[in-house]
Amino acid sequence: MAEQRKPKIRPGVCIPWEEKLKELPEISGDPKLVQRVWEDIDALAYVYIWQCLLSF
């Protein structure tokens, strides 16, 4: 029986927060707020990409 591979990125995510955090300088404010904003924007990008793919 073929082994199923686990996806590296969760569904609904383009760039995971953990990966994006490595690119950012040290966060001087509330890191949870920055994470929430990033995840919200990333989710919108994911929906936009799927909408474009399904529309054409």
N, C-alpha and C. Protein backbone atom coordinates (compact mmCIF):
# COMPACT_ATOMS: atom_id res chain seq x y z
N MET A 1 0.85 -1.18 0.00
CA MET A 1 0.00 0.00 0.00
C MET A 1 0.90 1.24 0.00
N ALA A 2 0.55 2.20 -0.80
CA ALA A 2 1.35 3.43 -0.91
C ALA A 2 1.21 4.27 0.36
N GLU A 3 2.33 4.83 0.76
CA GLU A 3 2.34 5.68 1.95
C GLU A 3 1.85 7.08 1.59
N GLN A 4 0.92 7.62 2.37
CA GLN A 4 0.41 8.96 2.11
C GLN A 4 1.36 9.98 2.73
N ARG A 5 1.65 11.02 1.95
CA ARG A 5 2.52 12.07 2.45
C ARG A 5 1.68 13.16 3.09
N LYS A 6 2.18 13.68 4.17
CA LYS A 6 1.51 14.78 4.86
C LYS A 6 1.92 16.09 4.18
N PRO A 7 0.95 16.96 3.84
CA PRO A 7 1.33 18.22 3.19
C PRO A 7 2.19 19.07 4.12
N LYS A 8 3.13 19.79 3.53
CA LYS A 8 4.03 20.62 4.32
C LYS A 8 3.34 21.89 4.79
N ILE A 9 2.36 22.35 4.04
CA ILE A 9 1.65 23.59 4.37
C ILE A 9 0.18 23.24 4.59
N ARG A 10 -0.40 23.78 5.64
CA ARG A 10 -1.81 23.52 5.94
C ARG A 10 -2.71 24.10 4.85
N PRO A 11 -3.87 23.51 4.65
CA PRO A 11 -4.82 24.07 3.69
C PRO A 11 -5.25 25.48 4.13
N GLY A 12 -5.41 26.36 3.16
CA GLY A 12 -5.83 27.73 3.46
C GLY A 12 -4.68 28.68 3.75
N VAL A 13 -3.45 28.21 3.55
CA VAL A 13 -2.27 29.01 3.87
C VAL A 13 -1.36 29.06 2.65
N CYS A 14 -0.87 30.26 2.32
CA CYS A 14 0.14 30.39 1.26
C CYS A 14 1.54 30.30 1.86
N ILE A 15 1.82 31.17 2.81
CA ILE A 15 3.11 31.18 3.51
C ILE A 15 2.82 31.08 5.01
N PRO A 16 3.20 29.98 5.64
CA PRO A 16 2.92 29.82 7.07
C PRO A 16 3.60 30.90 7.91
N TRP A 17 2.99 31.25 9.02
CA TRP A 17 3.52 32.26 9.92
C TRP A 17 4.93 31.89 10.38
N GLU A 18 5.15 30.64 10.68
CA GLU A 18 6.45 30.20 11.17
C GLU A 18 7.55 30.49 10.14
N GLU A 19 7.22 30.34 8.87
CA GLU A 19 8.19 30.61 7.80
C GLU A 19 8.39 32.12 7.62
N LYS A 20 7.31 32.88 7.66
CA LYS A 20 7.39 34.33 7.49
C LYS A 20 8.14 34.97 8.65
N LEU A 21 7.96 34.45 9.85
CA LEU A 21 8.60 35.00 11.04
C LEU A 21 10.13 34.98 10.91
N LYS A 22 10.67 33.98 10.21
CA LYS A 22 12.12 33.89 10.01
C LYS A 22 12.65 35.05 9.18
N GLU A 23 11.80 35.63 8.30
CA GLU A 23 12.21 36.71 7.42
C GLU A 23 12.13 38.09 8.08
N LEU A 24 11.38 38.18 9.16
CA LEU A 24 11.11 39.48 9.78
C LEU A 24 12.17 39.83 10.83
N PRO A 25 12.40 41.15 11.01
CA PRO A 25 13.28 41.55 12.12
C PRO A 25 12.55 41.30 13.44
N GLU A 26 13.24 41.49 14.54
CA GLU A 26 12.63 41.29 15.85
C GLU A 26 11.39 42.17 15.99
N ILE A 27 10.32 41.60 16.50
CA ILE A 27 9.06 42.33 16.66
C ILE A 27 9.09 43.03 18.00
N SER A 28 8.96 44.37 17.98
CA SER A 28 9.03 45.12 19.23
C SER A 28 7.66 45.31 19.88
N GLY A 29 6.60 45.05 19.12
CA GLY A 29 5.25 45.20 19.66
C GLY A 29 4.68 43.86 20.09
N ASP A 30 3.39 43.72 19.90
CA ASP A 30 2.67 42.51 20.29
C ASP A 30 2.81 41.46 19.18
N PRO A 31 3.59 40.40 19.40
CA PRO A 31 3.80 39.41 18.34
C PRO A 31 2.52 38.66 17.96
N LYS A 32 1.60 38.48 18.89
CA LYS A 32 0.33 37.81 18.58
C LYS A 32 -0.52 38.64 17.63
N LEU A 33 -0.48 39.96 17.78
CA LEU A 33 -1.21 40.86 16.88
C LEU A 33 -0.62 40.78 15.48
N VAL A 34 0.70 40.81 15.39
CA VAL A 34 1.36 40.71 14.08
C VAL A 34 1.03 39.37 13.43
N GLN A 35 1.05 38.31 14.20
CA GLN A 35 0.72 36.98 13.68
C GLN A 35 -0.71 36.95 13.17
N ARG A 36 -1.65 37.49 13.93
CA ARG A 36 -3.05 37.48 13.52
C ARG A 36 -3.26 38.24 12.22
N VAL A 37 -2.62 39.42 12.11
CA VAL A 37 -2.75 40.23 10.89
C VAL A 37 -2.15 39.47 9.71
N TRP A 38 -0.97 38.88 9.90
CA TRP A 38 -0.34 38.12 8.81
C TRP A 38 -1.23 36.97 8.36
N GLU A 39 -1.76 36.21 9.30
CA GLU A 39 -2.58 35.07 8.95
C GLU A 39 -3.87 35.50 8.25
N ASP A 40 -4.46 36.62 8.65
CA ASP A 40 -5.65 37.14 7.98
C ASP A 40 -5.34 37.54 6.54
N ILE A 41 -4.25 38.25 6.33
CA ILE A 41 -3.88 38.69 4.98
C ILE A 41 -3.51 37.48 4.12
N ASP A 42 -2.80 36.54 4.69
CA ASP A 42 -2.40 35.34 3.96
C ASP A 42 -3.63 34.53 3.54
N ALA A 43 -4.62 34.45 4.40
CA ALA A 43 -5.85 33.73 4.06
C ALA A 43 -6.58 34.42 2.91
N LEU A 44 -6.58 35.74 2.89
CA LEU A 44 -7.19 36.47 1.78
C LEU A 44 -6.46 36.18 0.47
N ALA A 45 -5.14 36.13 0.52
CA ALA A 45 -4.35 35.81 -0.67
C ALA A 45 -4.69 34.40 -1.17
N TYR A 46 -4.85 33.46 -0.26
CA TYR A 46 -5.19 32.09 -0.62
C TYR A 46 -6.54 32.05 -1.33
N VAL A 47 -7.52 32.74 -0.78
CA VAL A 47 -8.85 32.78 -1.38
C VAL A 47 -8.80 33.45 -2.75
N TYR A 48 -8.03 34.52 -2.88
CA TYR A 48 -7.90 35.23 -4.16
C TYR A 48 -7.30 34.31 -5.22
N ILE A 49 -6.26 33.59 -4.87
CA ILE A 49 -5.62 32.69 -5.83
C ILE A 49 -6.61 31.62 -6.29
N TRP A 50 -7.33 31.03 -5.36
CA TRP A 50 -8.31 30.01 -5.74
C TRP A 50 -9.43 30.60 -6.59
N GLN A 51 -9.86 31.80 -6.28
CA GLN A 51 -10.91 32.44 -7.06
C GLN A 51 -10.45 32.65 -8.49
N CYS A 52 -9.21 33.10 -8.65
CA CYS A 52 -8.66 33.30 -9.99
C CYS A 52 -8.57 31.98 -10.75
N LEU A 53 -8.15 30.93 -10.08
CA LEU A 53 -8.04 29.62 -10.73
C LEU A 53 -9.40 29.07 -11.14
N LEU A 54 -10.40 29.27 -10.31
CA LEU A 54 -11.72 28.72 -10.60
C LEU A 54 -12.53 29.56 -11.57
N SER A 55 -12.16 30.82 -11.74
CA SER A 55 -12.92 31.72 -12.61
C SER A 55 -12.58 31.55 -14.08
N PHE A 56 -11.42 31.01 -14.37
CA PHE A 56 -11.00 30.94 -15.79
C PHE A 56 -10.85 29.53 -16.26
